[in-house]
Each structure stands twice: as C-alpha cells, then as structure tokens.
Amino acid sequence: MIEIFQMGGPLFMSLISIAQIVMFLGIVLDLSAKKGRHLIKEAGLLALALGVLGQLIGLFEAFKAIEAMGGVSAAMLAGGLKVSSVTTIYGLIGYIISKVYLLARKA
C-alpha cells in the first residue's frame, strides 16, 4: 500500500488522504443532518477533483519528457499511464464512498 502511495506522488496522495479523512470524520461523527451531508459530499468531491488534477499534471509532465526524448516504447508509455492513474483511482474511491454513504442515509 505504501508503494502505491509513493507511486501516486506524495503531494497529491497526501492531499487526497486529508480530504478522505475529513470525509470519514464527517461519517463517523454523524454530524448534524444538512451540514454533515454537505461536508461529506464536498470532501468526497474534493478527493476526486484532486485525483484528476494529479493525473493531469502527471500526464503533462510525462508528455513533456516524451517530447524532449523524441519518443518512447509502448511499454514505457503504458507504465506511465498506469502510474498517472493512481491518484484518480484513489480520489474516485473516496468519492464513491461518500456517495454510497449519502445515498444510504437518504433511504
């Protein structure tokens, strides 16, 4: 798990983790109805947005390096795409958890 965290980049993975911790605190503390739901929803959405932003910045840097090198192998490109997806997947997990919790609370 630590290897995946480091692969995703410590800055964005830490920011996403903070957003997810805030979301989980809102869930565990079961905050007042409207305010708590809003906090959980926004923290989950922030985790997703940070994940996408982390991926886009990673892809931008990778494409810049490929351009400077003049080309790369397909295996190296696939590896870079895999690494860039880590932040998006991590942020998406937080978003899905927040949505599932909020949908379950409505029912």
PDB file of N, CA and C in Angstrom:
ATOM      1  N   MET A   1       0.822  -1.188   0.000  1.00  0.00           N
ATOM      2  CA  MET A   1       0.000   0.000   0.000  1.00  0.00           C
ATOM      3  C   MET A   1       0.869   1.256   0.000  1.00  0.00           C
ATOM      4  N   ILE A   2       1.943   1.235   0.763  1.00  0.00           N
ATOM      5  CA  ILE A   2       2.847   2.390   0.807  1.00  0.00           C
ATOM      6  C   ILE A   2       3.494   2.601  -0.550  1.00  0.00           C
ATOM      7  N   GLU A   3       3.788   1.498  -1.233  1.00  0.00           N
ATOM      8  CA  GLU A   3       4.386   1.603  -2.563  1.00  0.00           C
ATOM      9  C   GLU A   3       3.443   2.318  -3.536  1.00  0.00           C
ATOM     10  N   ILE A   4       2.167   2.003  -3.472  1.00  0.00           N
ATOM     11  CA  ILE A   4       1.181   2.651  -4.342  1.00  0.00           C
ATOM     12  C   ILE A   4       1.053   4.124  -3.973  1.00  0.00           C
ATOM     13  N   PHE A   5       1.081   4.409  -2.663  1.00  0.00           N
ATOM     14  CA  PHE A   5       1.004   5.796  -2.202  1.00  0.00           C
ATOM     15  C   PHE A   5       2.172   6.605  -2.760  1.00  0.00           C
ATOM     16  N   GLN A   6       3.368   6.056  -2.694  1.00  0.00           N
ATOM     17  CA  GLN A   6       4.553   6.744  -3.212  1.00  0.00           C
ATOM     18  C   GLN A   6       4.513   6.842  -4.737  1.00  0.00           C
ATOM     19  N   MET A   7       3.984   5.823  -5.385  1.00  0.00           N
ATOM     20  CA  MET A   7       3.887   5.826  -6.837  1.00  0.00           C
ATOM     21  C   MET A   7       2.986   6.957  -7.311  1.00  0.00           C
ATOM     22  N   GLY A   8       1.918   7.219  -6.571  1.00  0.00           N
ATOM     23  CA  GLY A   8       0.977   8.272  -6.937  1.00  0.00           C
ATOM     24  C   GLY A   8       1.516   9.671  -6.681  1.00  0.00           C
ATOM     25  N   GLY A   9       2.582   9.772  -5.960  1.00  0.00           N
ATOM     26  CA  GLY A   9       3.172  11.072  -5.647  1.00  0.00           C
ATOM     27  C   GLY A   9       2.723  11.531  -4.274  1.00  0.00           C
ATOM     28  N   PRO A  10       3.678  11.837  -3.411  1.00  0.00           N
ATOM     29  CA  PRO A  10       3.319  12.156  -2.027  1.00  0.00           C
ATOM     30  C   PRO A  10       2.451  13.409  -1.875  1.00  0.00           C
ATOM     31  N   LEU A  11       2.613  14.395  -2.724  1.00  0.00           N
ATOM     32  CA  LEU A  11       1.840  15.630  -2.580  1.00  0.00           C
ATOM     33  C   LEU A  11       0.352  15.377  -2.801  1.00  0.00           C
ATOM     34  N   PHE A  12      -0.002  14.870  -3.961  1.00  0.00           N
ATOM     35  CA  PHE A  12      -1.421  14.685  -4.264  1.00  0.00           C
ATOM     36  C   PHE A  12      -2.034  13.557  -3.449  1.00  0.00           C
ATOM     37  N   MET A  13      -1.291  12.504  -3.204  1.00  0.00           N
ATOM     38  CA  MET A  13      -1.840  11.417  -2.398  1.00  0.00           C
ATOM     39  C   MET A  13      -2.102  11.891  -0.969  1.00  0.00           C
ATOM     40  N   SER A  14      -1.241  12.771  -0.447  1.00  0.00           N
ATOM     41  CA  SER A  14      -1.466  13.320   0.896  1.00  0.00           C
ATOM     42  C   SER A  14      -2.688  14.228   0.919  1.00  0.00           C
ATOM     43  N   LEU A  15      -2.827  15.070  -0.089  1.00  0.00           N
ATOM     44  CA  LEU A  15      -3.988  15.962  -0.154  1.00  0.00           C
ATOM     45  C   LEU A  15      -5.291  15.175  -0.275  1.00  0.00           C
ATOM     46  N   ILE A  16      -5.272  14.139  -1.085  1.00  0.00           N
ATOM     47  CA  ILE A  16      -6.461  13.296  -1.230  1.00  0.00           C
ATOM     48  C   ILE A  16      -6.753  12.582   0.086  1.00  0.00           C
ATOM     49  N   SER A  17      -5.706  12.129   0.763  1.00  0.00           N
ATOM     50  CA  SER A  17      -5.891  11.457   2.053  1.00  0.00           C
ATOM     51  C   SER A  17      -6.510  12.399   3.077  1.00  0.00           C
ATOM     52  N   ILE A  18      -6.084  13.655   3.093  1.00  0.00           N
ATOM     53  CA  ILE A  18      -6.658  14.630   4.018  1.00  0.00           C
ATOM     54  C   ILE A  18      -8.141  14.828   3.726  1.00  0.00           C
ATOM     55  N   ALA A  19      -8.485  14.948   2.446  1.00  0.00           N
ATOM     56  CA  ALA A  19      -9.899  15.096   2.078  1.00  0.00           C
ATOM     57  C   ALA A  19     -10.701  13.872   2.511  1.00  0.00           C
ATOM     58  N   GLN A  20     -10.117  12.696   2.356  1.00  0.00           N
ATOM     59  CA  GLN A  20     -10.824  11.478   2.753  1.00  0.00           C
ATOM     60  C   GLN A  20     -10.945  11.366   4.272  1.00  0.00           C
ATOM     61  N   ILE A  21      -9.940  11.827   4.993  1.00  0.00           N
ATOM     62  CA  ILE A  21     -10.021  11.813   6.461  1.00  0.00           C
ATOM     63  C   ILE A  21     -11.140  12.736   6.927  1.00  0.00           C
ATOM     64  N   VAL A  22     -11.246  13.916   6.326  1.00  0.00           N
ATOM     65  CA  VAL A  22     -12.326  14.842   6.666  1.00  0.00           C
ATOM     66  C   VAL A  22     -13.675  14.188   6.379  1.00  0.00           C
ATOM     67  N   MET A  23     -13.757  13.514   5.245  1.00  0.00           N
ATOM     68  CA  MET A  23     -14.998  12.830   4.881  1.00  0.00           C
ATOM     69  C   MET A  23     -15.339  11.749   5.898  1.00  0.00           C
ATOM     70  N   PHE A  24     -14.365  10.927   6.268  1.00  0.00           N
ATOM     71  CA  PHE A  24     -14.606   9.866   7.240  1.00  0.00           C
ATOM     72  C   PHE A  24     -14.944  10.421   8.620  1.00  0.00           C
ATOM     73  N   LEU A  25     -14.337  11.538   8.997  1.00  0.00           N
ATOM     74  CA  LEU A  25     -14.692  12.166  10.271  1.00  0.00           C
ATOM     75  C   LEU A  25     -16.158  12.602  10.255  1.00  0.00           C
ATOM     76  N   GLY A  26     -16.589  13.148   9.127  1.00  0.00           N
ATOM     77  CA  GLY A  26     -17.996  13.523   8.993  1.00  0.00           C
ATOM     78  C   GLY A  26     -18.910  12.325   9.107  1.00  0.00           C
ATOM     79  N   ILE A  27     -18.488  11.196   8.545  1.00  0.00           N
ATOM     80  CA  ILE A  27     -19.290   9.974   8.611  1.00  0.00           C
ATOM     81  C   ILE A  27     -19.307   9.422  10.035  1.00  0.00           C
ATOM     82  N   VAL A  28     -18.145   9.324  10.663  1.00  0.00           N
ATOM     83  CA  VAL A  28     -18.043   8.720  11.993  1.00  0.00           C
ATOM     84  C   VAL A  28     -18.729   9.582  13.048  1.00  0.00           C
ATOM     85  N   LEU A  29     -18.531  10.895  12.963  1.00  0.00           N
ATOM     86  CA  LEU A  29     -19.130  11.780  13.951  1.00  0.00           C
ATOM     87  C   LEU A  29     -20.615  11.972  13.718  1.00  0.00           C
ATOM     88  N   ASP A  30     -21.083  11.551  12.546  1.00  0.00           N
ATOM     89  CA  ASP A  30     -22.500  11.654  12.185  1.00  0.00           C
ATOM     90  C   ASP A  30     -23.015  13.072  12.485  1.00  0.00           C
ATOM     91  N   LEU A  31     -22.391  14.024  11.812  1.00  0.00           N
ATOM     92  CA  LEU A  31     -22.703  15.433  12.046  1.00  0.00           C
ATOM     93  C   LEU A  31     -24.163  15.749  11.746  1.00  0.00           C
ATOM     94  N   SER A  32     -24.600  16.909  12.196  1.00  0.00           N
ATOM     95  CA  SER A  32     -25.988  17.309  12.001  1.00  0.00           C
ATOM     96  C   SER A  32     -26.385  17.175  10.533  1.00  0.00           C
ATOM     97  N   ALA A  33     -27.618  16.895  10.328  1.00  0.00           N
ATOM     98  CA  ALA A  33     -28.139  16.467   9.032  1.00  0.00           C
ATOM     99  C   ALA A  33     -27.590  17.222   7.826  1.00  0.00           C
ATOM    100  N   LYS A  34     -27.982  18.458   7.607  1.00  0.00           N
ATOM    101  CA  LYS A  34     -27.635  19.156   6.381  1.00  0.00           C
ATOM    102  C   LYS A  34     -26.149  19.521   6.336  1.00  0.00           C
ATOM    103  N   LYS A  35     -25.622  20.011   7.436  1.00  0.00           N
ATOM    104  CA  LYS A  35     -24.216  20.412   7.480  1.00  0.00           C
ATOM    105  C   LYS A  35     -23.285  19.209   7.292  1.00  0.00           C
ATOM    106  N   GLY A  36     -23.618  18.099   7.929  1.00  0.00           N
ATOM    107  CA  GLY A  36     -22.810  16.894   7.813  1.00  0.00           C
ATOM    108  C   GLY A  36     -22.827  16.318   6.410  1.00  0.00           C
ATOM    109  N   ARG A  37     -24.004  16.271   5.817  1.00  0.00           N
ATOM    110  CA  ARG A  37     -24.105  15.758   4.442  1.00  0.00           C
ATOM    111  C   ARG A  37     -23.312  16.623   3.480  1.00  0.00           C
ATOM    112  N   HIS A  38     -23.377  17.925   3.680  1.00  0.00           N
ATOM    113  CA  HIS A  38     -22.651  18.848   2.806  1.00  0.00           C
ATOM    114  C   HIS A  38     -21.144  18.634   2.944  1.00  0.00           C
ATOM    115  N   LEU A  39     -20.652  18.480   4.165  1.00  0.00           N
ATOM    116  CA  LEU A  39     -19.224  18.257   4.402  1.00  0.00           C
ATOM    117  C   LEU A  39     -18.765  16.961   3.753  1.00  0.00           C
ATOM    118  N   ILE A  40     -19.524  15.902   3.936  1.00  0.00           N
ATOM    119  CA  ILE A  40     -19.165  14.602   3.367  1.00  0.00           C
ATOM    120  C   ILE A  40     -19.167  14.668   1.847  1.00  0.00           C
ATOM    121  N   LYS A  41     -20.178  15.298   1.275  1.00  0.00           N
ATOM    122  CA  LYS A  41     -20.275  15.419  -0.181  1.00  0.00           C
ATOM    123  C   LYS A  41     -19.115  16.227  -0.750  1.00  0.00           C
ATOM    124  N   GLU A  42     -18.825  17.357  -0.138  1.00  0.00           N
ATOM    125  CA  GLU A  42     -17.760  18.228  -0.646  1.00  0.00           C
ATOM    126  C   GLU A  42     -16.375  17.600  -0.463  1.00  0.00           C
ATOM    127  N   ALA A  43     -16.146  16.913   0.642  1.00  0.00           N
ATOM    128  CA  ALA A  43     -14.851  16.264   0.861  1.00  0.00           C
ATOM    129  C   ALA A  43     -14.645  15.137  -0.154  1.00  0.00           C
ATOM    130  N   GLY A  44     -15.691  14.370  -0.447  1.00  0.00           N
ATOM    131  CA  GLY A  44     -15.587  13.320  -1.458  1.00  0.00           C
ATOM    132  C   GLY A  44     -15.332  13.890  -2.837  1.00  0.00           C
ATOM    133  N   LEU A  45     -16.011  14.969  -3.154  1.00  0.00           N
ATOM    134  CA  LEU A  45     -15.811  15.613  -4.451  1.00  0.00           C
ATOM    135  C   LEU A  45     -14.417  16.228  -4.556  1.00  0.00           C
ATOM    136  N   LEU A  46     -13.926  16.796  -3.466  1.00  0.00           N
ATOM    137  CA  LEU A  46     -12.566  17.348  -3.455  1.00  0.00           C
ATOM    138  C   LEU A  46     -11.535  16.252  -3.679  1.00  0.00           C
ATOM    139  N   ALA A  47     -11.741  15.089  -3.069  1.00  0.00           N
ATOM    140  CA  ALA A  47     -10.827  13.965  -3.272  1.00  0.00           C
ATOM    141  C   ALA A  47     -10.783  13.572  -4.744  1.00  0.00           C
ATOM    142  N   LEU A  48     -11.940  13.509  -5.383  1.00  0.00           N
ATOM    143  CA  LEU A  48     -11.999  13.169  -6.804  1.00  0.00           C
ATOM    144  C   LEU A  48     -11.309  14.229  -7.653  1.00  0.00           C
ATOM    145  N   ALA A  49     -11.610  15.496  -7.383  1.00  0.00           N
ATOM    146  CA  ALA A  49     -11.007  16.586  -8.165  1.00  0.00           C
ATOM    147  C   ALA A  49      -9.489  16.607  -8.009  1.00  0.00           C
ATOM    148  N   LEU A  50      -9.000  16.390  -6.802  1.00  0.00           N
ATOM    149  CA  LEU A  50      -7.550  16.357  -6.586  1.00  0.00           C
ATOM    150  C   LEU A  50      -6.923  15.173  -7.313  1.00  0.00           C
ATOM    151  N   GLY A  51      -7.616  14.048  -7.336  1.00  0.00           N
ATOM    152  CA  GLY A  51      -7.106  12.883  -8.059  1.00  0.00           C
ATOM    153  C   GLY A  51      -6.983  13.145  -9.552  1.00  0.00           C
ATOM    154  N   VAL A  52      -8.001  13.747 -10.125  1.00  0.00           N
ATOM    155  CA  VAL A  52      -7.962  14.070 -11.563  1.00  0.00           C
ATOM    156  C   VAL A  52      -6.875  15.106 -11.844  1.00  0.00           C
ATOM    157  N   LEU A  53      -6.783  16.117 -10.990  1.00  0.00           N
ATOM    158  CA  LEU A  53      -5.740  17.132 -11.165  1.00  0.00           C
ATOM    159  C   LEU A  53      -4.357  16.509 -11.082  1.00  0.00           C
ATOM    160  N   GLY A  54      -4.146  15.610 -10.125  1.00  0.00           N
ATOM    161  CA  GLY A  54      -2.861  14.926 -10.006  1.00  0.00           C
ATOM    162  C   GLY A  54      -2.531  14.125 -11.251  1.00  0.00           C
ATOM    163  N   GLN A  55      -3.533  13.458 -11.817  1.00  0.00           N
ATOM    164  CA  GLN A  55      -3.296  12.685 -13.035  1.00  0.00           C
ATOM    165  C   GLN A  55      -2.954  13.601 -14.203  1.00  0.00           C
ATOM    166  N   LEU A  56      -3.680  14.686 -14.347  1.00  0.00           N
ATOM    167  CA  LEU A  56      -3.419  15.590 -15.468  1.00  0.00           C
ATOM    168  C   LEU A  56      -2.041  16.226 -15.377  1.00  0.00           C
ATOM    169  N   ILE A  57      -1.635  16.605 -14.188  1.00  0.00           N
ATOM    170  CA  ILE A  57      -0.295  17.173 -14.033  1.00  0.00           C
ATOM    171  C   ILE A  57       0.764  16.113 -14.322  1.00  0.00           C
ATOM    172  N   GLY A  58       0.538  14.889 -13.856  1.00  0.00           N
ATOM    173  CA  GLY A  58       1.469  13.799 -14.147  1.00  0.00           C
ATOM    174  C   GLY A  58       1.564  13.512 -15.637  1.00  0.00           C
ATOM    175  N   LEU A  59       0.432  13.493 -16.321  1.00  0.00           N
ATOM    176  CA  LEU A  59       0.444  13.263 -17.768  1.00  0.00           C
ATOM    177  C   LEU A  59       1.148  14.389 -18.507  1.00  0.00           C
ATOM    178  N   PHE A  60       0.915  15.623 -18.081  1.00  0.00           N
ATOM    179  CA  PHE A  60       1.572  16.766 -18.708  1.00  0.00           C
ATOM    180  C   PHE A  60       3.089  16.646 -18.596  1.00  0.00           C
ATOM    181  N   GLU A  61       3.551  16.307 -17.399  1.00  0.00           N
ATOM    182  CA  GLU A  61       4.998  16.157 -17.199  1.00  0.00           C
ATOM    183  C   GLU A  61       5.546  14.981 -18.020  1.00  0.00           C
ATOM    184  N   ALA A  62       4.792  13.883 -18.092  1.00  0.00           N
ATOM    185  CA  ALA A  62       5.238  12.728 -18.864  1.00  0.00           C
ATOM    186  C   ALA A  62       5.309  13.056 -20.352  1.00  0.00           C
ATOM    187  N   PHE A  63       4.307  13.737 -20.867  1.00  0.00           N
ATOM    188  CA  PHE A  63       4.323  14.095 -22.286  1.00  0.00           C
ATOM    189  C   PHE A  63       5.435  15.083 -22.596  1.00  0.00           C
ATOM    190  N   LYS A  64       5.721  15.951 -21.654  1.00  0.00           N
ATOM    191  CA  LYS A  64       6.827  16.891 -21.833  1.00  0.00           C
ATOM    192  C   LYS A  64       8.152  16.129 -21.919  1.00  0.00           C
ATOM    193  N   ALA A  65       8.325  15.118 -21.076  1.00  0.00           N
ATOM    194  CA  ALA A  65       9.544  14.312 -21.107  1.00  0.00           C
ATOM    195  C   ALA A  65       9.630  13.493 -22.387  1.00  0.00           C
ATOM    196  N   ILE A  66       8.506  12.942 -22.836  1.00  0.00           N
ATOM    197  CA  ILE A  66       8.496  12.170 -24.089  1.00  0.00           C
ATOM    198  C   ILE A  66       8.870  13.067 -25.260  1.00  0.00           C
ATOM    199  N   GLU A  67       8.334  14.269 -25.266  1.00  0.00           N
ATOM    200  CA  GLU A  67       8.650  15.217 -26.334  1.00  0.00           C
ATOM    201  C   GLU A  67      10.141  15.541 -26.340  1.00  0.00           C
ATOM    202  N   ALA A  68      10.720  15.719 -25.175  1.00  0.00           N
ATOM    203  CA  ALA A  68      12.150  16.038 -25.096  1.00  0.00           C
ATOM    204  C   ALA A  68      13.008  14.864 -25.549  1.00  0.00           C
ATOM    205  N   MET A  69      12.547  13.625 -25.251  1.00  0.00           N
ATOM    206  CA  MET A  69      13.308  12.432 -25.643  1.00  0.00           C
ATOM    207  C   MET A  69      13.113  12.096 -27.112  1.00  0.00           C
ATOM    208  N   GLY A  70      12.035  12.529 -27.702  1.00  0.00           N
ATOM    209  CA  GLY A  70      11.766  12.227 -29.094  1.00  0.00           C
ATOM    210  C   GLY A  70      10.940  10.972 -29.289  1.00  0.00           C
ATOM    211  N   GLY A  71      10.549  10.297 -28.245  1.00  0.00           N
ATOM    212  CA  GLY A  71       9.714   9.102 -28.345  1.00  0.00           C
ATOM    213  C   GLY A  71      10.070   8.104 -27.275  1.00  0.00           C
ATOM    214  N   VAL A  72       9.152   7.191 -26.998  1.00  0.00           N
ATOM    215  CA  VAL A  72       9.373   6.128 -26.016  1.00  0.00           C
ATOM    216  C   VAL A  72       8.711   4.852 -26.508  1.00  0.00           C
ATOM    217  N   SER A  73       9.049   3.752 -25.857  1.00  0.00           N
ATOM    218  CA  SER A  73       8.438   2.476 -26.225  1.00  0.00           C
ATOM    219  C   SER A  73       7.005   2.424 -25.706  1.00  0.00           C
ATOM    220  N   ALA A  74       6.243   1.527 -26.286  1.00  0.00           N
ATOM    221  CA  ALA A  74       4.850   1.362 -25.858  1.00  0.00           C
ATOM    222  C   ALA A  74       4.777   0.890 -24.407  1.00  0.00           C
ATOM    223  N   ALA A  75       5.706   0.039 -23.985  1.00  0.00           N
ATOM    224  CA  ALA A  75       5.715  -0.459 -22.609  1.00  0.00           C
ATOM    225  C   ALA A  75       5.969   0.682 -21.627  1.00  0.00           C
ATOM    226  N   MET A  76       6.875   1.569 -21.973  1.00  0.00           N
ATOM    227  CA  MET A  76       7.169   2.695 -21.083  1.00  0.00           C
ATOM    228  C   MET A  76       5.968   3.635 -21.014  1.00  0.00           C
ATOM    229  N   LEU A  77       5.303   3.860 -22.117  1.00  0.00           N
ATOM    230  CA  LEU A  77       4.112   4.710 -22.134  1.00  0.00           C
ATOM    231  C   LEU A  77       2.994   4.092 -21.299  1.00  0.00           C
ATOM    232  N   ALA A  78       2.801   2.786 -21.434  1.00  0.00           N
ATOM    233  CA  ALA A  78       1.769   2.098 -20.655  1.00  0.00           C
ATOM    234  C   ALA A  78       2.078   2.173 -19.162  1.00  0.00           C
ATOM    235  N   GLY A  79       3.340   2.029 -18.794  1.00  0.00           N
ATOM    236  CA  GLY A  79       3.735   2.146 -17.391  1.00  0.00           C
ATOM    237  C   GLY A  79       3.461   3.536 -16.845  1.00  0.00           C
ATOM    238  N   GLY A  80       3.731   4.540 -17.644  1.00  0.00           N
ATOM    239  CA  GLY A  80       3.467   5.916 -17.219  1.00  0.00           C
ATOM    240  C   GLY A  80       1.982   6.187 -17.056  1.00  0.00           C
ATOM    241  N   LEU A  81       1.175   5.659 -17.955  1.00  0.00           N
ATOM    242  CA  LEU A  81      -0.281   5.823 -17.833  1.00  0.00           C
ATOM    243  C   LEU A  81      -0.813   5.113 -16.598  1.00  0.00           C
ATOM    244  N   LYS A  82      -0.236   3.950 -16.286  1.00  0.00           N
ATOM    245  CA  LYS A  82      -0.645   3.211 -15.088  1.00  0.00           C
ATOM    246  C   LYS A  82      -0.337   4.032 -13.833  1.00  0.00           C
ATOM    247  N   VAL A  83       0.853   4.593 -13.767  1.00  0.00           N
ATOM    248  CA  VAL A  83       1.250   5.384 -12.602  1.00  0.00           C
ATOM    249  C   VAL A  83       0.386   6.637 -12.484  1.00  0.00           C
ATOM    250  N   SER A  84       0.089   7.271 -13.612  1.00  0.00           N
ATOM    251  CA  SER A  84      -0.698   8.509 -13.555  1.00  0.00           C
ATOM    252  C   SER A  84      -2.134   8.248 -13.111  1.00  0.00           C
ATOM    253  N   SER A  85      -2.604   7.024 -13.250  1.00  0.00           N
ATOM    254  CA  SER A  85      -3.979   6.692 -12.870  1.00  0.00           C
ATOM    255  C   SER A  85      -4.153   6.473 -11.374  1.00  0.00           C
ATOM    256  N   VAL A  86      -3.061   6.315 -10.646  1.00  0.00           N
ATOM    257  CA  VAL A  86      -3.150   6.001  -9.218  1.00  0.00           C
ATOM    258  C   VAL A  86      -3.911   7.083  -8.460  1.00  0.00           C
ATOM    259  N   THR A  87      -3.606   8.356  -8.700  1.00  0.00           N
ATOM    260  CA  THR A  87      -4.270   9.429  -7.953  1.00  0.00           C
ATOM    261  C   THR A  87      -5.761   9.497  -8.282  1.00  0.00           C
ATOM    262  N   THR A  88      -6.102   9.292  -9.533  1.00  0.00           N
ATOM    263  CA  THR A  88      -7.513   9.333  -9.915  1.00  0.00           C
ATOM    264  C   THR A  88      -8.288   8.191  -9.268  1.00  0.00           C
ATOM    265  N   ILE A  89      -7.716   7.008  -9.266  1.00  0.00           N
ATOM    266  CA  ILE A  89      -8.384   5.859  -8.645  1.00  0.00           C
ATOM    267  C   ILE A  89      -8.555   6.100  -7.149  1.00  0.00           C
ATOM    268  N   TYR A  90      -7.524   6.613  -6.501  1.00  0.00           N
ATOM    269  CA  TYR A  90      -7.580   6.868  -5.056  1.00  0.00           C
ATOM    270  C   TYR A  90      -8.643   7.925  -4.725  1.00  0.00           C
ATOM    271  N   GLY A  91      -8.690   8.987  -5.512  1.00  0.00           N
ATOM    272  CA  GLY A  91      -9.706  10.009  -5.302  1.00  0.00           C
ATOM    273  C   GLY A  91     -11.110   9.500  -5.604  1.00  0.00           C
ATOM    274  N   LEU A  92     -11.229   8.677  -6.633  1.00  0.00           N
ATOM    275  CA  LEU A  92     -12.529   8.119  -7.010  1.00  0.00           C
ATOM    276  C   LEU A  92     -13.078   7.191  -5.928  1.00  0.00           C
ATOM    277  N   ILE A  93     -12.201   6.461  -5.265  1.00  0.00           N
ATOM    278  CA  ILE A  93     -12.633   5.584  -4.172  1.00  0.00           C
ATOM    279  C   ILE A  93     -13.281   6.423  -3.069  1.00  0.00           C
ATOM    280  N   GLY A  94     -12.648   7.539  -2.718  1.00  0.00           N
ATOM    281  CA  GLY A  94     -13.234   8.417  -1.702  1.00  0.00           C
ATOM    282  C   GLY A  94     -14.574   8.980  -2.136  1.00  0.00           C
ATOM    283  N   TYR A  95     -14.666   9.372  -3.389  1.00  0.00           N
ATOM    284  CA  TYR A  95     -15.918   9.921  -3.906  1.00  0.00           C
ATOM    285  C   TYR A  95     -17.035   8.878  -3.863  1.00  0.00           C
ATOM    286  N   ILE A  96     -16.715   7.665  -4.281  1.00  0.00           N
ATOM    287  CA  ILE A  96     -17.717   6.596  -4.287  1.00  0.00           C
ATOM    288  C   ILE A  96     -18.194   6.298  -2.868  1.00  0.00           C
ATOM    289  N   ILE A  97     -17.262   6.265  -1.928  1.00  0.00           N
ATOM    290  CA  ILE A  97     -17.649   6.010  -0.540  1.00  0.00           C
ATOM    291  C   ILE A  97     -18.592   7.097  -0.040  1.00  0.00           C
ATOM    292  N   SER A  98     -18.275   8.358  -0.359  1.00  0.00           N
ATOM    293  CA  SER A  98     -19.145   9.450   0.100  1.00  0.00           C
ATOM    294  C   SER A  98     -20.533   9.350  -0.538  1.00  0.00           C
ATOM    295  N   LYS A  99     -20.601   9.004  -1.817  1.00  0.00           N
ATOM    296  CA  LYS A  99     -21.896   8.898  -2.487  1.00  0.00           C
ATOM    297  C   LYS A  99     -22.710   7.724  -1.939  1.00  0.00           C
ATOM    298  N   VAL A 100     -22.070   6.593  -1.733  1.00  0.00           N
ATOM    299  CA  VAL A 100     -22.774   5.429  -1.196  1.00  0.00           C
ATOM    300  C   VAL A 100     -23.312   5.746   0.195  1.00  0.00           C
ATOM    301  N   TYR A 101     -22.496   6.383   1.026  1.00  0.00           N
ATOM    302  CA  TYR A 101     -22.947   6.729   2.374  1.00  0.00           C
ATOM    303  C   TYR A 101     -24.140   7.686   2.318  1.00  0.00           C
ATOM    304  N   LEU A 102     -24.034   8.703   1.476  1.00  0.00           N
ATOM    305  CA  LEU A 102     -25.119   9.688   1.402  1.00  0.00           C
ATOM    306  C   LEU A 102     -26.396   9.076   0.846  1.00  0.00           C
ATOM    307  N   LEU A 103     -26.263   8.182  -0.116  1.00  0.00           N
ATOM    308  CA  LEU A 103     -27.441   7.508  -0.661  1.00  0.00           C
ATOM    309  C   LEU A 103     -28.074   6.589   0.390  1.00  0.00           C
ATOM    310  N   ALA A 104     -27.241   5.930   1.181  1.00  0.00           N
ATOM    311  CA  ALA A 104     -27.753   5.051   2.224  1.00  0.00           C
ATOM    312  C   ALA A 104     -28.453   5.846   3.324  1.00  0.00           C
ATOM    313  N   ARG A 105     -27.960   7.042   3.611  1.00  0.00           N
ATOM    314  CA  ARG A 105     -28.578   7.895   4.634  1.00  0.00           C
ATOM    315  C   ARG A 105     -29.940   8.397   4.178  1.00  0.00           C
ATOM    316  N   LYS A 106     -30.093   8.634   2.872  1.00  0.00           N
ATOM    317  CA  LYS A 106     -31.375   9.127   2.356  1.00  0.00           C
ATOM    318  C   LYS A 106     -32.463   8.072   2.491  1.00  0.00           C
ATOM    319  N   ALA A 107     -32.080   6.827   2.303  1.00  0.00           N
ATOM    320  CA  ALA A 107     -33.070   5.753   2.300  1.00  0.00           C
ATOM    321  C   ALA A 107     -33.613   5.448   3.671  1.00  0.00           C
TER     322      ALA A 107
END
